[in-house]
Each structure stands twice: as C-alpha cells, then as structure tokens.
C-alpha cells in the first residue's frame, strides 16, 4: 500500500470510529439505518446525520412528554410512529438556541441552513424505515423546509487574487510573529494558494496530495474525490512553477516517518492538517480582503466563478470541480448579472432591421 492510499485508509478508519462512537448514544435501530445507507452516502455525510439525530433524540426524551422516562438508546421503532409534525416543528424552533447535550454550559445556535440540514437528516431516517415498511408514516415529509435566504457568494475579485499572492511573496503586512515563520513557509504557502486558486480543488483533496501524484510533463495531477474516486486534473504554468519551486525546497526537509510522500508539510514535518491550511488561507486573506471571510472553499468558489466567466461552459465547470449534479454548479457559479441580461435582450431579434 502506498503512502497516498495509507493516508486515505487512516482517514476512513478514523471517521468510521467517530461514527461508531456517535451511534452508541442513538437508538439501536440507527445501526441498521446507517448500514442501509452506507453504499449511497459518504462517511462524512453519515457522521453529520448522526450528530443531527443525536440532538433530535436528546430533545425528544427531555422536552416532549410522550418520550419522558426513556434515554435515546432505549427508543424503539414503535416510538418513531409516535413522533408528530408538531414535535419536529418544536425541535426546529428549539435548535435556534440550545445547549450542547454533553456540556450544558456550551450553547449552540442554528440559522435556517442548519435547521434545514437537521430536517433533512430526520427525513432520511424516517424515509428509510418507511420504505422498509417498519413504520407507518414519515411525518418529517409533512414539515416544510425553513425558508433559505439566498446569500451572495463570497469570493475574491481578480485584483484581490493578485494581491493575495503578492502578500505571500512579500510577507510585508504579516505580524512580527508571522514573519519569523514566513521565511520557512513562504514557498509552501505560495504553492498551496496557487494550486487552490488555479485548480479549485477541495481542502481535503489538497491535504491528501502526494508528490507522486504530479506529472509535470503533462501538467496533470491525480486527486481523490469525495467518495474515493480518483481523477486527473490539469494546471497552468503558474501552478507548475509554484509547485516545482516548493518541491525543490522541500527536498531539504527530513520528514517524520510515514509522511515521506506527503506533498505539503507542516512546520512539524508531517502532512499539513486541515486546520493549518484553513489558518494559512485566513492569515493572508485578511491582509487583502479584511471585510470578507475567505476560507479554502471560497477560493474554490473564486476558481469556479472565473472558469465559468471565461468559458461559459457550466458542464466543464461541474466536471472540473467534481460536482455530480450540474444544478449545484449552476446555483453557485452561474449567477447572471444585469449586464448579461441586457446583452441577452439585445441579441435576440424578432424582426430583421
């Protein structure tokens, strides 16, 4: 097994253990549910479902008198048929502001998006057992989804992209503490940001990259998508130069055992973590776009939007970004501005001049 495969095997093992830990606090029938949806969902999706269901069953047994006297693991399929539409509506209102069941001093909040996800988790659970004819109804389907207000997509403008990369190269506006590390991480940071902005890969895909994944003769590299599929993506000369420059510098770093093939390394000489990469993006983006909350995913949005504006090919954008549903791509990257609408109005002629 290569180090690349080993990394993803370790990630899968870690997340599998997380899911098993969460299931222990859920009704026993949830084990059957998660096994049943294993082939149609990712492990991270199942973990998110488990978190949502844990909150829901804790709510039922502490807030709804029908379920008083039971702990979540004691609930049975018969209890699912006692859930009412009103119970779910109260639950969604409850999640606006509530305490963490494992730490009552820790308070949580949910906006409309968070509530919609929790309702989707409930719908999935009840739909599974309803289709299996183990419950009489799926009342979650009778609950309306919270109205989601469309938010403008946050991304970097063209000049902000250039300023971001300039900020990495110069390090001028970093704090004194950040500048002390900048001399050691400049090449790596530039390679990471150039790769994210130049290919639109996800943070998980970036972290999992190995040196052997790159073919510099053809300007291509292999990424492992969500769900485990591997695809070849391509990059331009700017990305190529940044990666090669970093790899040359990286040759002088003696990595920790088990991290020899990892492309991007932390200061601790191991594969860079998701949090470290998020902090890296935050550090530089605050310099050039202090009013925008830029994350690695926002860099992905920046790439997707630019690619669509340059090509006008929504199917190409969907394929490169790894979207299975082109409607997801269209929703996030194909917003039509007023000027484009004006152009459309001028193009269509009903009668000849």
Protein backbone atom coordinates (compact mmCIF):
# COMPACT_ATOMS: atom_id res chain seq x y z
CA UNK A 1 0.00 0.00 0.00
CA UNK A 2 1.38 3.42 -0.97
CA UNK A 3 1.59 6.30 1.50
CA UNK A 4 -1.13 8.01 -0.53
CA UNK A 5 -3.51 5.09 -0.07
CA UNK A 6 -2.44 4.77 3.56
CA UNK A 7 -3.45 8.37 4.25
CA UNK A 8 -6.98 7.83 2.97
CA UNK A 9 -7.23 4.47 4.75
CA UNK A 10 -6.32 6.19 8.02
CA UNK A 11 -8.88 8.94 7.38
CA UNK A 12 -11.58 6.34 6.68
CA UNK A 13 -10.66 4.36 9.80
CA UNK A 14 -10.71 7.49 11.96
CA UNK A 15 -14.12 8.58 10.64
CA UNK A 16 -15.52 5.06 10.97
CA UNK A 17 -14.56 5.09 14.65
CA UNK A 18 -16.18 8.53 15.05
CA UNK A 19 -19.43 7.21 13.60
CA UNK A 20 -19.41 4.13 15.83
CA UNK A 21 -18.87 6.36 18.86
CA UNK A 22 -21.84 8.54 17.89
CA UNK A 23 -24.11 5.54 17.23
CA UNK A 24 -23.63 4.35 20.81
CA UNK A 25 -25.72 7.32 22.00
CA UNK A 26 -28.51 6.69 19.48
CA UNK A 27 -31.44 4.25 19.42
CA UNK A 28 -30.35 0.76 18.39
CA UNK A 29 -32.33 0.90 15.13
CA UNK A 30 -29.96 3.65 13.92
CA UNK A 31 -27.28 0.99 13.44
CA UNK A 32 -29.46 -0.68 10.80
CA UNK A 33 -30.17 2.70 9.22
CA UNK A 34 -26.52 3.66 8.84
CA UNK A 35 -25.63 0.25 7.42
CA UNK A 36 -28.51 0.61 4.96
CA UNK A 37 -27.35 3.96 3.57
CA UNK A 38 -23.64 3.12 3.56
CA UNK A 39 -23.48 2.49 -0.20
CA UNK A 40 -25.28 5.70 -1.15
CA UNK A 41 -23.63 8.20 1.22
CA UNK A 42 -20.13 9.22 2.24
CA UNK A 43 -18.80 8.56 5.73
CA UNK A 44 -18.80 12.32 6.46
CA UNK A 45 -22.47 12.58 5.45
CA UNK A 46 -23.32 9.73 7.83
CA UNK A 47 -21.38 11.41 10.63
CA UNK A 48 -23.32 14.65 10.09
CA UNK A 49 -26.59 12.69 10.14
CA UNK A 50 -25.51 11.06 13.40
CA UNK A 51 -24.79 14.41 15.04
CA UNK A 52 -28.18 15.76 13.97
CA UNK A 53 -30.04 12.65 15.11
CA UNK A 54 -28.30 12.69 18.48
CA UNK A 55 -29.55 16.24 19.06
CA UNK A 56 -33.06 15.26 17.96
CA UNK A 57 -33.38 12.19 20.19
CA UNK A 58 -31.92 14.07 23.17
CA UNK A 59 -34.56 16.71 22.52
CA UNK A 60 -37.38 14.15 22.33
CA UNK A 61 -36.50 12.48 25.61
CA UNK A 62 -36.03 15.72 27.55
CA UNK A 63 -38.57 18.12 26.01
CA UNK A 64 -41.55 16.03 24.77
CA UNK A 65 -43.66 14.36 27.50
CA UNK A 66 -44.56 11.38 25.26
CA UNK A 67 -40.94 10.24 25.49
CA UNK A 68 -40.20 11.14 29.12
CA UNK A 69 -38.60 8.33 31.10
CA UNK A 70 -36.59 6.99 28.15
CA UNK A 71 -33.00 7.59 27.18
CA UNK A 72 -32.23 7.80 23.44
CA UNK A 73 -30.70 4.26 23.27
CA UNK A 74 -33.94 2.87 24.77
CA UNK A 75 -36.16 4.21 21.98
CA UNK A 76 -37.61 1.69 19.53
CA UNK A 77 -39.16 1.79 16.08
CA UNK A 78 -42.57 1.97 17.76
CA UNK A 79 -41.51 5.33 19.22
CA UNK A 80 -40.82 6.65 15.71
CA UNK A 81 -44.53 6.24 14.91
CA UNK A 82 -45.37 8.43 17.90
CA UNK A 83 -43.46 11.41 16.52
CA UNK A 84 -45.79 14.17 15.42
CA UNK A 85 -45.36 17.04 12.99
CA UNK A 86 -45.67 19.40 15.96
CA UNK A 87 -42.76 17.67 17.70
CA UNK A 88 -40.49 18.30 14.71
CA UNK A 89 -41.63 21.91 14.38
CA UNK A 90 -40.88 22.49 18.07
CA UNK A 91 -37.50 20.80 17.58
CA UNK A 92 -36.56 23.13 14.73
CA UNK A 93 -37.50 26.10 16.87
CA UNK A 94 -35.54 24.60 19.78
CA UNK A 95 -32.36 24.37 17.69
CA UNK A 96 -32.37 28.12 17.16
CA UNK A 97 -30.62 28.34 20.52
CA UNK A 98 -29.86 25.33 22.71
CA UNK A 99 -27.25 23.74 24.98
CA UNK A 100 -24.84 21.02 23.96
CA UNK A 101 -26.24 17.77 25.48
CA UNK A 102 -22.72 16.74 26.55
CA UNK A 103 -21.86 20.13 28.03
CA UNK A 104 -24.78 22.22 29.24
CA UNK A 105 -22.57 25.29 29.58
CA UNK A 106 -21.76 25.16 25.88
CA UNK A 107 -24.52 26.84 23.87
CA UNK A 108 -25.25 26.26 20.19
CA UNK A 109 -27.16 28.20 17.56
CA UNK A 110 -28.66 27.34 14.19
CA UNK A 111 -29.71 29.53 11.31
CA UNK A 112 -32.12 28.46 8.59
CA UNK A 113 -29.43 26.44 6.81
CA UNK A 114 -28.62 24.45 9.97
CA UNK A 115 -32.30 23.76 10.61
CA UNK A 116 -32.80 22.62 7.02
CA UNK A 117 -29.95 20.15 7.39
CA UNK A 118 -31.39 18.73 10.61
CA UNK A 119 -34.78 18.30 8.96
CA UNK A 120 -33.08 16.57 6.01
CA UNK A 121 -31.41 14.16 8.45
CA UNK A 122 -34.76 13.33 10.03
CA UNK A 123 -36.40 12.88 6.64
CA UNK A 124 -33.67 10.47 5.61
CA UNK A 125 -34.06 8.33 8.75
CA UNK A 126 -37.85 8.16 8.64
CA UNK A 127 -37.90 7.65 4.87
CA UNK A 128 -35.57 4.66 5.22
CA UNK A 129 -37.78 2.84 7.71
CA UNK A 130 -41.00 3.88 5.95
CA UNK A 131 -39.75 2.33 2.69
CA UNK A 132 -38.78 -0.78 4.65
CA UNK A 133 -42.40 -0.84 5.95
CA UNK A 134 -41.16 -0.78 9.55
CA UNK A 135 -43.02 2.44 10.45
CA UNK A 136 -46.46 3.63 9.39
CA UNK A 137 -45.61 7.15 8.22
CA UNK A 138 -42.87 9.67 7.55
CA UNK A 139 -44.14 12.79 9.31
CA UNK A 140 -40.92 14.67 8.53
CA UNK A 141 -42.08 14.93 4.93
CA UNK A 142 -45.06 16.95 6.15
CA UNK A 143 -42.83 19.60 7.72
CA UNK A 144 -41.92 22.49 5.45
CA UNK A 145 -38.26 23.26 4.96
CA UNK A 146 -37.18 26.51 6.58
CA UNK A 147 -37.06 29.31 4.03
CA UNK A 148 -33.47 29.81 2.96
CA UNK A 149 -32.47 33.33 2.12
CA UNK A 150 -30.08 33.43 -0.81
CA UNK A 151 -26.75 34.85 0.27
CA UNK A 152 -24.30 36.45 -2.13
CA UNK A 153 -21.39 34.16 -2.93
CA UNK A 154 -18.24 35.41 -1.23
CA UNK A 155 -15.14 35.14 -3.37
CA UNK A 156 -12.04 37.08 -4.29
CA UNK A 157 -12.04 39.58 -7.13
CA UNK A 158 -9.36 39.37 -9.82
CA UNK A 159 -7.25 42.13 -8.26
CA UNK A 160 -7.62 40.54 -4.81
CA UNK A 161 -6.27 37.24 -6.15
CA UNK A 162 -3.17 39.02 -7.42
CA UNK A 163 -2.75 40.91 -4.14
CA UNK A 164 -3.15 37.68 -2.16
CA UNK A 165 -0.28 36.01 -3.98
CA UNK A 166 1.80 39.19 -3.71
CA UNK A 167 1.18 39.19 0.06
CA UNK A 168 2.54 35.65 0.29
CA UNK A 169 5.66 36.52 -1.66
CA UNK A 170 6.44 39.73 0.22
CA UNK A 171 5.20 38.93 3.74
CA UNK A 172 5.24 42.70 4.36
CA UNK A 173 1.95 43.02 6.24
CA UNK A 174 2.32 39.95 8.41
CA UNK A 175 2.74 40.35 12.17
CA UNK A 176 6.29 40.09 13.58
CA UNK A 177 5.49 36.58 14.85
CA UNK A 178 4.13 35.52 11.46
CA UNK A 179 7.16 36.97 9.67
CA UNK A 180 9.50 34.80 11.75
CA UNK A 181 7.87 31.70 10.24
CA UNK A 182 7.34 33.24 6.80
CA UNK A 183 10.90 32.56 5.65
CA UNK A 184 10.32 28.83 6.23
CA UNK A 185 6.79 28.60 4.80
CA UNK A 186 6.74 31.18 2.00
CA UNK A 187 7.38 28.70 -0.81
CA UNK A 188 4.89 26.19 0.59
CA UNK A 189 2.19 28.81 1.20
CA UNK A 190 2.55 30.20 -2.31
CA UNK A 191 2.31 26.69 -3.78
CA UNK A 192 -0.83 25.87 -1.77
CA UNK A 193 -2.67 29.09 -2.60
CA UNK A 194 -1.66 29.00 -6.26
CA UNK A 195 -2.87 25.39 -6.51
CA UNK A 196 -6.21 26.12 -4.81
CA UNK A 197 -6.84 29.21 -6.92
CA UNK A 198 -5.59 27.57 -10.11
CA UNK A 199 -7.49 24.28 -9.91
CA UNK A 200 -10.42 24.72 -7.49
CA UNK A 201 -9.67 21.51 -5.57
CA UNK A 202 -11.21 20.92 -2.16
CA UNK A 203 -9.22 21.32 1.04
CA UNK A 204 -9.41 17.56 1.70
CA UNK A 205 -8.07 16.86 -1.80
CA UNK A 206 -5.21 19.32 -1.29
CA UNK A 207 -4.20 17.83 2.06
CA UNK A 208 -4.17 14.31 0.64
CA UNK A 209 -1.81 15.08 -2.25
CA UNK A 210 1.47 13.21 -2.57
CA UNK A 211 4.50 14.25 -4.62
CA UNK A 212 3.98 11.19 -6.82
CA UNK A 213 0.52 12.43 -7.79
CA UNK A 214 2.06 15.04 -10.11
CA UNK A 215 3.06 14.57 -13.75
CA UNK A 216 4.97 17.72 -14.65
CA UNK A 217 5.49 16.68 -18.27
CA UNK A 218 1.76 16.82 -18.92
CA UNK A 219 0.81 19.41 -16.28
CA UNK A 220 -1.54 16.93 -14.65
CA UNK A 221 -2.10 15.57 -11.16
CA UNK A 222 -4.23 12.90 -9.51
CA UNK A 223 -6.78 13.78 -6.84
CA UNK A 224 -9.03 11.57 -4.75
CA UNK A 225 -12.56 12.97 -4.78
CA UNK A 226 -15.24 12.63 -2.14
CA UNK A 227 -16.34 9.02 -2.17
CA UNK A 228 -12.89 7.76 -3.16
CA UNK A 229 -12.98 8.29 -6.95
CA UNK A 230 -9.64 9.27 -8.46
CA UNK A 231 -9.44 11.71 -11.37
CA UNK A 232 -6.72 13.53 -13.30
CA UNK A 233 -6.87 17.33 -13.27
CA UNK A 234 -4.66 19.77 -15.15
CA UNK A 235 -3.00 23.03 -14.21
CA UNK A 236 -1.35 26.01 -15.86
CA UNK A 237 2.24 27.20 -15.87
CA UNK A 238 1.83 29.43 -12.79
CA UNK A 239 0.73 26.45 -10.71
CA UNK A 240 3.50 24.29 -12.18
CA UNK A 241 6.22 26.79 -11.28
CA UNK A 242 4.93 27.27 -7.72
CA UNK A 243 4.76 23.52 -7.07
CA UNK A 244 8.20 22.78 -8.57
CA UNK A 245 9.81 25.61 -6.61
CA UNK A 246 8.29 24.28 -3.40
CA UNK A 247 9.31 20.67 -4.09
CA UNK A 248 12.92 21.79 -4.66
CA UNK A 249 12.88 23.47 -1.25
CA UNK A 250 11.04 20.56 0.32
CA UNK A 251 13.91 18.20 -0.62
CA UNK A 252 15.91 19.72 2.22
CA UNK A 253 13.27 18.78 4.82
CA UNK A 254 13.62 15.49 6.68
CA UNK A 255 10.03 14.38 7.20
CA UNK A 256 8.71 12.35 10.08
CA UNK A 257 8.23 8.62 9.41
CA UNK A 258 5.05 7.93 7.44
CA UNK A 259 4.97 11.41 5.86
CA UNK A 260 7.75 10.99 3.30
CA UNK A 261 5.43 11.19 0.27
CA UNK A 262 3.12 13.94 1.53
CA UNK A 263 3.35 16.99 -0.71
CA UNK A 264 2.52 19.74 1.74
CA UNK A 265 4.21 19.58 5.12
CA UNK A 266 3.61 21.42 8.37
CA UNK A 267 6.30 23.09 10.46
CA UNK A 268 6.34 19.82 12.42
CA UNK A 269 7.47 17.99 9.22
CA UNK A 270 4.29 15.95 8.86
CA UNK A 271 1.42 16.14 6.36
CA UNK A 272 -0.30 19.50 6.80
CA UNK A 273 -3.62 19.37 8.65
CA UNK A 274 -6.96 20.81 7.60
CA UNK A 275 -6.89 23.38 10.41
CA UNK A 276 -3.38 24.53 9.50
CA UNK A 277 -4.42 25.03 5.88
CA UNK A 278 -7.54 26.93 6.93
CA UNK A 279 -5.44 29.20 9.14
CA UNK A 280 -3.00 29.75 6.30
CA UNK A 281 -5.78 30.99 3.99
CA UNK A 282 -7.24 33.15 6.74
CA UNK A 283 -3.86 34.74 7.56
CA UNK A 284 -3.19 36.03 4.05
CA UNK A 285 -6.78 36.80 3.02
CA UNK A 286 -7.25 39.13 6.00
CA UNK A 287 -4.49 41.27 4.54
CA UNK A 288 -6.08 41.76 1.11
CA UNK A 289 -9.81 41.34 1.86
CA UNK A 290 -10.38 42.19 5.56
CA UNK A 291 -14.15 42.55 5.12
CA UNK A 292 -14.57 39.12 3.51
CA UNK A 293 -14.45 35.84 5.40
CA UNK A 294 -12.29 33.88 2.99
CA UNK A 295 -11.88 30.13 3.51
CA UNK A 296 -10.38 27.42 1.28
CA UNK A 297 -13.89 26.80 -0.05
CA UNK A 298 -14.17 30.49 -1.01
CA UNK A 299 -11.00 30.05 -3.07
CA UNK A 300 -12.78 27.15 -4.77
CA UNK A 301 -15.71 29.49 -5.46
CA UNK A 302 -13.28 32.05 -6.86
CA UNK A 303 -11.88 29.48 -9.29
CA UNK A 304 -15.31 28.12 -10.28
CA UNK A 305 -16.70 31.58 -10.98
CA UNK A 306 -13.65 32.64 -13.01
CA UNK A 307 -13.70 29.43 -15.05
CA UNK A 308 -17.39 29.86 -15.85
CA UNK A 309 -16.95 33.52 -16.81
CA UNK A 310 -14.06 32.61 -19.11
CA UNK A 311 -15.66 29.56 -20.77
CA UNK A 312 -19.41 29.89 -20.31
CA UNK A 313 -19.44 26.06 -20.08
CA UNK A 314 -21.32 25.04 -16.94
CA UNK A 315 -20.74 21.33 -17.64
CA UNK A 316 -16.98 21.85 -17.83
CA UNK A 317 -17.04 23.70 -14.50
CA UNK A 318 -19.11 20.92 -12.91
CA UNK A 319 -16.70 18.25 -14.18
CA UNK A 320 -13.53 20.04 -13.04
CA UNK A 321 -14.97 20.82 -9.61
CA UNK A 322 -16.22 17.26 -9.16
CA UNK A 323 -19.92 18.14 -8.85
CA UNK A 324 -22.17 15.16 -9.51
CA UNK A 325 -25.17 17.43 -10.10
CA UNK A 326 -24.72 20.29 -12.55
CA UNK A 327 -27.51 22.17 -10.77
CA UNK A 328 -25.16 22.57 -7.80
CA UNK A 329 -22.66 24.22 -10.12
CA UNK A 330 -25.28 26.39 -11.76
CA UNK A 331 -26.59 27.60 -8.42
CA UNK A 332 -23.20 28.69 -7.11
CA UNK A 333 -21.21 29.77 -10.14
CA UNK A 334 -23.56 30.80 -12.91
CA UNK A 335 -25.29 33.85 -11.46
CA UNK A 336 -26.36 36.17 -14.25
CA UNK A 337 -25.76 39.86 -13.71
CA UNK A 338 -27.78 42.76 -15.01
CA UNK A 339 -25.30 43.48 -17.80
CA UNK A 340 -25.54 39.91 -19.07
CA UNK A 341 -29.33 40.22 -19.08
CA UNK A 342 -29.05 43.42 -21.11
CA UNK A 343 -26.82 41.63 -23.61
CA UNK A 344 -29.38 38.82 -23.89
CA UNK A 345 -32.10 41.36 -24.61
CA UNK A 346 -30.08 42.90 -27.44
CA UNK A 347 -29.04 39.62 -29.04
CA UNK A 348 -32.50 38.19 -29.80
CA UNK A 349 -34.09 39.88 -32.82
CA UNK A 350 -37.77 39.31 -33.51
CA UNK A 351 -37.76 41.08 -36.90
CA UNK A 352 -34.98 41.98 -39.25
CA UNK A 353 -33.63 45.53 -39.26
